[in-house]
Amino acid sequence: MEYVYAALLLNSAEKEVSEAAVTKVLDAAGAKPDKARVKALVAALDGVDIKEAISKAAPVAAAPTAAPAAPAEEKKEEAKEEEEKPSEEEAAAGLGALFG
């Protein structure tokens, strides 16, 4: 993720997103850059207008989805808890197998 952030920072500063620039940003941040990942990032961003890509993706990312998802997650957790608890008879039957 820090590689993408480095590219975004360079783009925001209107600097060229190059291998050397990304490596310098990561070094300055205290991260140990992997040359292969830096090369892959720069190759993937070759010919991409980052500002345009962000503007197209921004409305999707800004959609409020966290609030409605919370109650659904709670219901799923409750359902899992109920399913995972074996009855006392099932637990006793499992223990009986241990003792022959």
N, C-alpha and C. Protein backbone atom coordinates (compact mmCIF):
# COMPACT_ATOMS: atom_id res chain seq x y z
N MET A 1 0.82 -1.18 0.00
CA MET A 1 0.00 0.00 0.00
C MET A 1 0.87 1.25 0.00
N GLU A 2 2.02 1.15 0.68
CA GLU A 2 2.88 2.32 0.75
C GLU A 2 3.42 2.70 -0.63
N TYR A 3 3.50 1.75 -1.54
CA TYR A 3 3.97 2.04 -2.89
C TYR A 3 2.95 2.91 -3.62
N VAL A 4 1.68 2.59 -3.45
CA VAL A 4 0.62 3.38 -4.08
C VAL A 4 0.59 4.77 -3.46
N TYR A 5 0.74 4.84 -2.14
CA TYR A 5 0.76 6.15 -1.48
C TYR A 5 1.91 7.00 -1.98
N ALA A 6 3.07 6.38 -2.20
CA ALA A 6 4.22 7.12 -2.72
C ALA A 6 3.90 7.68 -4.11
N ALA A 7 3.26 6.88 -4.95
CA ALA A 7 2.89 7.35 -6.29
C ALA A 7 1.87 8.48 -6.20
N LEU A 8 0.91 8.35 -5.29
CA LEU A 8 -0.08 9.41 -5.13
C LEU A 8 0.55 10.70 -4.63
N LEU A 9 1.49 10.57 -3.72
CA LEU A 9 2.20 11.75 -3.20
C LEU A 9 2.98 12.45 -4.32
N LEU A 10 3.69 11.67 -5.11
CA LEU A 10 4.43 12.25 -6.23
C LEU A 10 3.49 12.93 -7.23
N ASN A 11 2.38 12.28 -7.51
CA ASN A 11 1.41 12.87 -8.43
C ASN A 11 0.83 14.15 -7.86
N SER A 12 0.54 14.16 -6.58
CA SER A 12 0.00 15.35 -5.92
C SER A 12 0.99 16.51 -5.97
N ALA A 13 2.27 16.19 -5.87
CA ALA A 13 3.32 17.21 -5.92
C ALA A 13 3.70 17.55 -7.36
N GLU A 14 2.97 16.97 -8.32
CA GLU A 14 3.20 17.18 -9.74
C GLU A 14 4.61 16.80 -10.16
N LYS A 15 5.10 15.70 -9.58
CA LYS A 15 6.40 15.14 -9.93
C LYS A 15 6.17 13.89 -10.76
N GLU A 16 7.19 13.48 -11.49
CA GLU A 16 7.11 12.29 -12.31
C GLU A 16 7.13 11.05 -11.41
N VAL A 17 6.27 10.10 -11.69
CA VAL A 17 6.25 8.84 -10.94
C VAL A 17 7.23 7.90 -11.63
N SER A 18 8.46 7.92 -11.14
CA SER A 18 9.51 7.08 -11.70
C SER A 18 10.03 6.15 -10.61
N GLU A 19 10.81 5.17 -11.02
CA GLU A 19 11.37 4.22 -10.05
C GLU A 19 12.23 4.93 -9.02
N ALA A 20 13.05 5.86 -9.46
CA ALA A 20 13.93 6.59 -8.55
C ALA A 20 13.12 7.45 -7.57
N ALA A 21 12.09 8.10 -8.07
CA ALA A 21 11.29 8.98 -7.23
C ALA A 21 10.51 8.18 -6.19
N VAL A 22 9.91 7.08 -6.60
CA VAL A 22 9.15 6.24 -5.67
C VAL A 22 10.09 5.67 -4.60
N THR A 23 11.26 5.24 -5.03
CA THR A 23 12.24 4.70 -4.08
C THR A 23 12.66 5.75 -3.07
N LYS A 24 12.88 6.99 -3.52
CA LYS A 24 13.26 8.08 -2.61
C LYS A 24 12.16 8.37 -1.60
N VAL A 25 10.91 8.38 -2.05
CA VAL A 25 9.79 8.64 -1.14
C VAL A 25 9.69 7.54 -0.09
N LEU A 26 9.83 6.30 -0.52
CA LEU A 26 9.75 5.18 0.42
C LEU A 26 10.92 5.20 1.41
N ASP A 27 12.11 5.53 0.92
CA ASP A 27 13.27 5.66 1.81
C ASP A 27 13.04 6.76 2.84
N ALA A 28 12.51 7.88 2.38
CA ALA A 28 12.26 9.01 3.29
C ALA A 28 11.22 8.67 4.34
N ALA A 29 10.29 7.78 3.99
CA ALA A 29 9.24 7.38 4.92
C ALA A 29 9.72 6.29 5.89
N GLY A 30 10.92 5.78 5.64
CA GLY A 30 11.45 4.74 6.52
C GLY A 30 11.10 3.33 6.09
N ALA A 31 10.53 3.19 4.91
CA ALA A 31 10.19 1.86 4.39
C ALA A 31 11.36 1.33 3.58
N LYS A 32 11.45 0.01 3.49
CA LYS A 32 12.49 -0.61 2.69
C LYS A 32 11.88 -1.01 1.35
N PRO A 33 12.15 -0.22 0.31
CA PRO A 33 11.52 -0.50 -0.99
C PRO A 33 12.05 -1.77 -1.65
N ASP A 34 11.15 -2.52 -2.23
CA ASP A 34 11.48 -3.71 -3.00
C ASP A 34 11.55 -3.28 -4.47
N LYS A 35 12.69 -3.46 -5.10
CA LYS A 35 12.89 -2.99 -6.47
C LYS A 35 11.87 -3.57 -7.44
N ALA A 36 11.52 -4.82 -7.26
CA ALA A 36 10.56 -5.46 -8.16
C ALA A 36 9.18 -4.83 -8.03
N ARG A 37 8.78 -4.54 -6.81
CA ARG A 37 7.46 -3.92 -6.60
C ARG A 37 7.42 -2.50 -7.13
N VAL A 38 8.54 -1.78 -6.97
CA VAL A 38 8.62 -0.42 -7.49
C VAL A 38 8.51 -0.46 -9.01
N LYS A 39 9.24 -1.38 -9.65
CA LYS A 39 9.18 -1.51 -11.11
C LYS A 39 7.77 -1.85 -11.57
N ALA A 40 7.12 -2.77 -10.86
CA ALA A 40 5.76 -3.18 -11.23
C ALA A 40 4.78 -2.01 -11.11
N LEU A 41 4.94 -1.22 -10.06
CA LEU A 41 4.05 -0.07 -9.87
C LEU A 41 4.23 0.94 -10.98
N VAL A 42 5.47 1.28 -11.27
CA VAL A 42 5.74 2.28 -12.31
C VAL A 42 5.27 1.77 -13.66
N ALA A 43 5.46 0.49 -13.94
CA ALA A 43 4.99 -0.08 -15.20
C ALA A 43 3.46 -0.06 -15.28
N ALA A 44 2.80 -0.34 -14.16
CA ALA A 44 1.33 -0.35 -14.15
C ALA A 44 0.76 1.06 -14.33
N LEU A 45 1.49 2.06 -13.87
CA LEU A 45 1.00 3.44 -13.97
C LEU A 45 1.45 4.13 -15.24
N ASP A 46 2.22 3.46 -16.07
CA ASP A 46 2.69 4.05 -17.31
C ASP A 46 1.50 4.36 -18.22
N GLY A 47 1.35 5.62 -18.58
CA GLY A 47 0.27 6.04 -19.46
C GLY A 47 -1.05 6.27 -18.75
N VAL A 48 -1.09 6.15 -17.42
CA VAL A 48 -2.32 6.34 -16.67
C VAL A 48 -2.37 7.78 -16.15
N ASP A 49 -3.49 8.46 -16.37
CA ASP A 49 -3.69 9.79 -15.81
C ASP A 49 -4.27 9.59 -14.41
N ILE A 50 -3.42 9.73 -13.40
CA ILE A 50 -3.81 9.43 -12.03
C ILE A 50 -4.94 10.33 -11.55
N LYS A 51 -4.88 11.60 -11.88
CA LYS A 51 -5.93 12.54 -11.46
C LYS A 51 -7.28 12.13 -12.03
N GLU A 52 -7.30 11.73 -13.28
CA GLU A 52 -8.54 11.29 -13.92
C GLU A 52 -9.06 10.01 -13.27
N ALA A 53 -8.15 9.09 -12.99
CA ALA A 53 -8.55 7.83 -12.36
C ALA A 53 -9.13 8.08 -10.97
N ILE A 54 -8.55 9.01 -10.24
CA ILE A 54 -9.06 9.34 -8.90
C ILE A 54 -10.43 9.99 -9.01
N SER A 55 -10.60 10.88 -9.96
CA SER A 55 -11.88 11.57 -10.09
C SER A 55 -13.00 10.61 -10.48
N LYS A 56 -12.68 9.58 -11.26
CA LYS A 56 -13.68 8.59 -11.63
C LYS A 56 -14.00 7.66 -10.46
N ALA A 57 -13.02 7.39 -9.63
CA ALA A 57 -13.22 6.46 -8.52
C ALA A 57 -13.76 7.14 -7.27
N ALA A 58 -13.62 8.43 -7.14
CA ALA A 58 -14.00 9.14 -5.93
C ALA A 58 -15.48 8.98 -5.56
N PRO A 59 -16.44 9.10 -6.50
CA PRO A 59 -17.84 8.94 -6.10
C PRO A 59 -18.15 7.55 -5.54
N VAL A 60 -17.51 6.54 -6.04
CA VAL A 60 -17.74 5.19 -5.54
C VAL A 60 -17.18 5.05 -4.14
N ALA A 61 -16.01 5.60 -3.90
CA ALA A 61 -15.37 5.50 -2.59
C ALA A 61 -16.08 6.34 -1.55
N ALA A 62 -16.76 7.40 -1.97
CA ALA A 62 -17.41 8.30 -1.03
C ALA A 62 -18.80 7.83 -0.61
N ALA A 63 -19.30 6.78 -1.23
CA ALA A 63 -20.63 6.29 -0.90
C ALA A 63 -20.66 5.76 0.53
N PRO A 64 -21.65 6.20 1.33
CA PRO A 64 -21.71 5.75 2.73
C PRO A 64 -22.22 4.32 2.84
N THR A 65 -21.33 3.39 3.04
CA THR A 65 -21.73 1.99 3.14
C THR A 65 -21.47 1.41 4.52
N ALA A 66 -20.71 2.07 5.35
CA ALA A 66 -20.33 1.51 6.64
C ALA A 66 -21.51 1.44 7.61
N ALA A 67 -22.36 2.43 7.63
CA ALA A 67 -23.46 2.47 8.60
C ALA A 67 -24.45 1.32 8.42
N PRO A 68 -24.98 1.07 7.22
CA PRO A 68 -25.93 -0.02 7.07
C PRO A 68 -25.30 -1.40 7.25
N ALA A 69 -24.02 -1.53 7.03
CA ALA A 69 -23.38 -2.84 7.11
C ALA A 69 -23.24 -3.33 8.54
N ALA A 70 -23.16 -2.45 9.49
CA ALA A 70 -22.93 -2.85 10.89
C ALA A 70 -24.03 -3.76 11.44
N PRO A 71 -25.31 -3.43 11.30
CA PRO A 71 -26.33 -4.34 11.84
C PRO A 71 -26.33 -5.70 11.17
N ALA A 72 -26.07 -5.75 9.90
CA ALA A 72 -26.05 -7.03 9.19
C ALA A 72 -24.93 -7.91 9.72
N GLU A 73 -23.79 -7.31 10.02
CA GLU A 73 -22.67 -8.08 10.56
C GLU A 73 -23.02 -8.66 11.92
N GLU A 74 -23.71 -7.88 12.75
CA GLU A 74 -24.09 -8.36 14.07
C GLU A 74 -25.02 -9.57 13.95
N LYS A 75 -25.96 -9.52 13.03
CA LYS A 75 -26.89 -10.63 12.84
C LYS A 75 -26.14 -11.88 12.39
N LYS A 76 -25.16 -11.72 11.50
CA LYS A 76 -24.40 -12.85 11.02
C LYS A 76 -23.60 -13.48 12.16
N GLU A 77 -23.03 -12.63 13.02
CA GLU A 77 -22.25 -13.14 14.15
C GLU A 77 -23.15 -13.93 15.09
N GLU A 78 -24.35 -13.43 15.36
CA GLU A 78 -25.28 -14.12 16.25
C GLU A 78 -25.67 -15.47 15.65
N ALA A 79 -25.89 -15.49 14.35
CA ALA A 79 -26.28 -16.73 13.69
C ALA A 79 -25.13 -17.74 13.76
N LYS A 80 -23.91 -17.30 13.59
CA LYS A 80 -22.76 -18.20 13.65
C LYS A 80 -22.60 -18.77 15.05
N GLU A 81 -22.81 -17.94 16.06
CA GLU A 81 -22.69 -18.41 17.44
C GLU A 81 -23.70 -19.51 17.72
N GLU A 82 -24.92 -19.34 17.23
CA GLU A 82 -25.95 -20.34 17.45
C GLU A 82 -25.62 -21.64 16.73
N GLU A 83 -25.08 -21.54 15.53
CA GLU A 83 -24.76 -22.73 14.76
C GLU A 83 -23.56 -23.48 15.33
N GLU A 84 -22.61 -22.78 15.89
CA GLU A 84 -21.38 -23.39 16.35
C GLU A 84 -21.55 -24.14 17.68
N LYS A 85 -22.50 -23.80 18.48
CA LYS A 85 -22.67 -24.43 19.79
C LYS A 85 -23.38 -25.79 19.62
N PRO A 86 -22.68 -26.88 19.88
CA PRO A 86 -23.35 -28.18 19.79
C PRO A 86 -24.22 -28.40 21.04
N SER A 87 -25.23 -29.21 20.88
CA SER A 87 -26.09 -29.50 22.03
C SER A 87 -25.30 -30.36 23.02
N GLU A 88 -25.81 -30.48 24.24
CA GLU A 88 -25.13 -31.27 25.27
C GLU A 88 -25.05 -32.74 24.86
N GLU A 89 -26.08 -33.24 24.18
CA GLU A 89 -26.09 -34.63 23.73
C GLU A 89 -24.99 -34.88 22.70
N GLU A 90 -24.84 -33.93 21.76
CA GLU A 90 -23.80 -34.09 20.75
C GLU A 90 -22.42 -34.05 21.38
N ALA A 91 -22.25 -33.15 22.35
CA ALA A 91 -20.95 -33.04 23.03
C ALA A 91 -20.65 -34.31 23.79
N ALA A 92 -21.65 -34.89 24.46
CA ALA A 92 -21.46 -36.12 25.23
C ALA A 92 -21.14 -37.28 24.28
N ALA A 93 -21.78 -37.31 23.12
CA ALA A 93 -21.53 -38.38 22.17
C ALA A 93 -20.11 -38.30 21.66
N GLY A 94 -19.63 -37.10 21.46
CA GLY A 94 -18.24 -36.92 21.01
C GLY A 94 -17.25 -37.37 22.06
N LEU A 95 -17.55 -37.12 23.33
CA LEU A 95 -16.65 -37.54 24.40
C LEU A 95 -16.66 -39.05 24.56
N GLY A 96 -17.81 -39.67 24.34
CA GLY A 96 -17.92 -41.12 24.45
C GLY A 96 -17.00 -41.81 23.46
N ALA A 97 -16.79 -41.24 22.32
CA ALA A 97 -15.92 -41.83 21.30
C ALA A 97 -14.48 -41.86 21.78
N LEU A 98 -14.10 -40.92 22.62
CA LEU A 98 -12.73 -40.88 23.12
C LEU A 98 -12.42 -42.04 24.04
N PHE A 99 -13.42 -42.52 24.78
CA PHE A 99 -13.20 -43.54 25.78
C PHE A 99 -13.61 -44.94 25.30
N GLY A 100 -14.06 -45.05 24.09
CA GLY A 100 -14.34 -46.35 23.50
C GLY A 100 -15.64 -46.85 23.87
